[in-house]
Protein backbone atom coordinates (compact mmCIF):
# COMPACT_ATOMS: atom_id res chain seq x y z
CA UNK A 1 -0.46 -0.43 -31.90
CA UNK A 2 -1.85 -3.02 -29.60
CA UNK A 3 -4.91 -3.09 -28.77
CA UNK A 4 -5.45 -2.84 -24.69
CA UNK A 5 -8.75 -3.38 -24.61
CA UNK A 6 -10.36 -2.84 -21.07
CA UNK A 7 -7.12 -1.35 -20.00
CA UNK A 8 -8.33 2.26 -20.70
CA UNK A 9 -11.70 1.66 -18.80
CA UNK A 10 -10.11 0.01 -15.56
CA UNK A 11 -7.98 2.85 -14.61
CA UNK A 12 -10.72 5.31 -15.47
CA UNK A 13 -13.34 3.50 -13.50
CA UNK A 14 -10.17 1.90 -11.18
CA UNK A 15 -7.55 4.35 -11.23
CA UNK A 16 -8.40 6.45 -7.89
CA UNK A 17 -8.60 3.18 -5.87
CA UNK A 18 -5.46 1.67 -7.19
CA UNK A 19 -3.62 4.97 -6.60
CA UNK A 20 -4.99 4.84 -3.11
CA UNK A 21 -3.27 1.34 -2.77
CA UNK A 22 -0.05 2.38 -4.13
CA UNK A 23 0.19 5.21 -1.97
CA UNK A 24 -0.43 2.71 1.19
CA UNK A 25 2.09 0.43 -0.03
CA UNK A 26 4.70 3.41 -0.54
CA UNK A 27 4.03 5.37 2.10
CA UNK A 28 3.60 8.61 -0.11
CA UNK A 29 1.90 10.27 -3.36
CA UNK A 30 4.77 10.39 -5.31
CA UNK A 31 6.12 6.88 -4.79
CA UNK A 32 2.70 5.93 -5.12
CA UNK A 33 2.60 7.51 -8.60
CA UNK A 34 5.89 5.82 -9.93
CA UNK A 35 4.41 2.37 -8.76
CA UNK A 36 1.07 2.46 -10.64
CA UNK A 37 2.96 3.96 -13.57
CA UNK A 38 5.60 1.11 -13.14
CA UNK A 39 2.79 -1.70 -12.91
CA UNK A 40 1.09 -0.28 -15.78
CA UNK A 41 3.62 -0.31 -18.16
CA UNK A 42 4.82 -4.23 -17.05
CA UNK A 43 1.52 -5.34 -17.58
CA UNK A 44 1.33 -3.42 -21.06
CA UNK A 45 4.31 -5.42 -21.75
CA UNK A 46 3.45 -8.28 -21.21
CA UNK A 47 -0.20 -8.02 -22.60
CA UNK A 48 -0.81 -11.15 -24.17
CA UNK A 49 -0.06 -13.14 -21.22
CA UNK A 50 -3.22 -11.53 -19.16
CA UNK A 51 -5.42 -13.14 -19.45
CA UNK A 52 -9.30 -12.59 -17.63
CA UNK A 53 -8.93 -10.58 -14.61
CA UNK A 54 -6.82 -7.34 -15.89
CA UNK A 55 -6.79 -5.66 -12.15
CA UNK A 56 -6.02 -8.69 -10.54
CA UNK A 57 -2.82 -8.67 -12.64
CA UNK A 58 -2.60 -5.30 -12.10
CA UNK A 59 -2.63 -5.49 -8.39
CA UNK A 60 -0.62 -8.59 -8.12
CA UNK A 61 1.92 -6.18 -10.33
CA UNK A 62 2.17 -2.90 -8.13
CA UNK A 63 2.62 -5.98 -4.67
CA UNK A 64 5.42 -7.97 -6.72
CA UNK A 65 7.18 -4.21 -7.27
CA UNK A 66 6.67 -2.82 -4.30
CA UNK A 67 8.00 -5.85 -2.43
CA UNK A 68 10.92 -5.80 -5.11
CA UNK A 69 11.32 -1.92 -3.65
CA UNK A 70 11.63 -3.21 -0.11
CA UNK A 71 14.19 -5.38 -0.43
CA UNK A 72 16.19 -3.41 -2.20
CA UNK A 73 15.86 -0.36 0.65
CA UNK A 74 17.13 -3.28 2.66
CA UNK A 75 20.05 -3.76 1.37
CA UNK A 76 20.34 0.08 0.60
CA UNK A 77 18.56 1.53 3.28
CA UNK A 78 16.96 5.00 2.97
CA UNK A 79 17.37 7.54 5.44
CA UNK A 80 13.39 8.78 6.10
CA UNK A 81 12.72 12.33 7.44
CA UNK A 82 9.87 12.89 10.08
CA UNK A 83 6.97 14.48 8.72
CA UNK A 84 5.45 16.49 11.11
CA UNK A 85 1.65 16.54 11.13
CA UNK A 86 0.24 19.87 9.89
CA UNK A 87 -0.80 22.62 12.43
CA UNK A 88 -4.31 21.15 13.18
CA UNK A 89 -6.06 24.76 14.29
CA UNK A 90 -6.89 25.21 10.40
CA UNK A 91 -9.72 22.35 9.46
CA UNK A 92 -7.10 19.41 8.48
CA UNK A 93 -7.65 16.93 11.39
CA UNK A 94 -8.58 14.19 9.59
CA UNK A 95 -5.71 15.17 6.69
CA UNK A 96 -3.06 15.03 10.17
CA UNK A 97 -4.48 11.89 11.88
CA UNK A 98 -4.06 9.99 8.37
CA UNK A 99 -0.74 11.51 7.95
CA UNK A 100 0.45 9.69 11.50
CA UNK A 101 -1.11 6.68 10.56
CA UNK A 102 0.62 6.49 7.38
CA UNK A 103 3.83 7.23 9.05
CA UNK A 104 2.55 4.15 11.67
CA UNK A 105 2.01 2.26 8.61
CA UNK A 106 5.73 3.05 6.87
CA UNK A 107 7.32 2.13 9.97
CA UNK A 108 6.39 -1.66 9.85
CA UNK A 109 8.42 -4.22 8.03
CA UNK A 110 7.27 -5.03 4.63
CA UNK A 111 5.48 -7.88 4.71
CA UNK A 112 3.37 -6.75 7.64
CA UNK A 113 2.86 -3.71 5.70
CA UNK A 114 0.71 -5.72 2.12
CA UNK A 115 -1.10 -7.98 4.99
CA UNK A 116 -2.47 -5.16 6.24
CA UNK A 117 -3.33 -3.54 2.80
CA UNK A 118 -4.40 -6.71 1.38
CA UNK A 119 -6.95 -7.41 4.26
CA UNK A 120 -7.80 -4.30 5.24
CA UNK A 121 -7.66 -1.73 2.74
CA UNK A 122 -7.92 -3.97 -0.36
CA UNK A 123 -10.50 -6.50 1.69
CA UNK A 124 -8.85 -9.74 0.41
CA UNK A 125 -9.35 -13.09 2.47
CA UNK A 126 -5.92 -14.63 3.99
CA UNK A 127 -6.32 -17.23 0.83
CA UNK A 128 -6.28 -14.44 -1.65
CA UNK A 129 -4.00 -12.12 0.11
CA UNK A 130 -1.78 -15.28 0.24
CA UNK A 131 -2.22 -15.67 -3.15
CA UNK A 132 -1.08 -12.16 -4.29
CA UNK A 133 1.90 -11.93 -2.15
CA UNK A 134 2.62 -16.02 -2.60
CA UNK A 135 3.22 -17.43 0.75
CA UNK A 136 0.98 -19.73 2.95
CA UNK A 137 -2.16 -18.56 4.37
CA UNK A 138 -0.82 -19.14 7.90
CA UNK A 139 2.17 -16.50 6.74
CA UNK A 140 -0.82 -13.88 5.92
CA UNK A 141 -2.53 -14.74 9.49
CA UNK A 142 0.88 -14.10 11.56
CA UNK A 143 1.55 -11.12 9.21
CA UNK A 144 -1.36 -9.45 9.74
CA UNK A 145 -1.49 -10.56 13.83
CA UNK A 146 2.07 -9.12 14.39
CA UNK A 147 1.57 -5.75 12.20
CA UNK A 148 -2.09 -4.73 14.29
CA UNK A 149 -0.12 -5.74 17.26
CA UNK A 150 2.59 -3.11 15.84
CA UNK A 151 0.20 -0.51 14.60
CA UNK A 152 -1.60 -0.80 18.33
CA UNK A 153 1.68 -0.24 19.98
CA UNK A 154 2.78 2.67 17.46
CA UNK A 155 -0.88 4.64 18.38
CA UNK A 156 -0.95 3.86 22.11
CA UNK A 157 0.58 6.78 22.80
CA UNK A 158 -1.77 8.98 20.76
CA UNK A 159 -3.70 11.57 22.40
CA UNK A 160 -7.46 12.22 21.95
CA UNK A 161 -7.62 13.28 17.87
CA UNK A 162 -9.95 15.70 18.23
CA UNK A 163 -6.89 17.82 20.32
CA UNK A 164 -4.60 17.15 17.69
CA UNK A 165 -2.10 14.10 17.41
CA UNK A 166 1.15 13.21 18.95
CA UNK A 167 3.68 10.12 18.43
């Protein structure tokens, strides 16, 4: 049996944050679970090569797997069924807003979505995000700018969030 020193502790402490990132990248809890599990499996298979920052290696693996799945979907597009937000009279306004934002984020192109998740959810610098994505800093800047502009377009029609969410 291999000694995965530090991995168990990392998952115990940072697991919720890693899972949240996976959900943002995939658009659903189930797909996020699959992504995080696949990334953990890949890290464990290549454990001898992991040197130093285990969390960074795991996160890079998650982003690369997510980009791979986006590329596969581009070749074989899936048909997504729109999800209506739950009724707002039961105290789930926050959930509905989050759900609507997740749907808007899912409507973005893959690179824009990844750039926004890295920059604003993961709070990476442009240089760090470029390193994770394997692209130039300018590409991260342009994808972030275009992604924010598109999110603004997608959310411009939302009514006052205290009265509900409209798309």
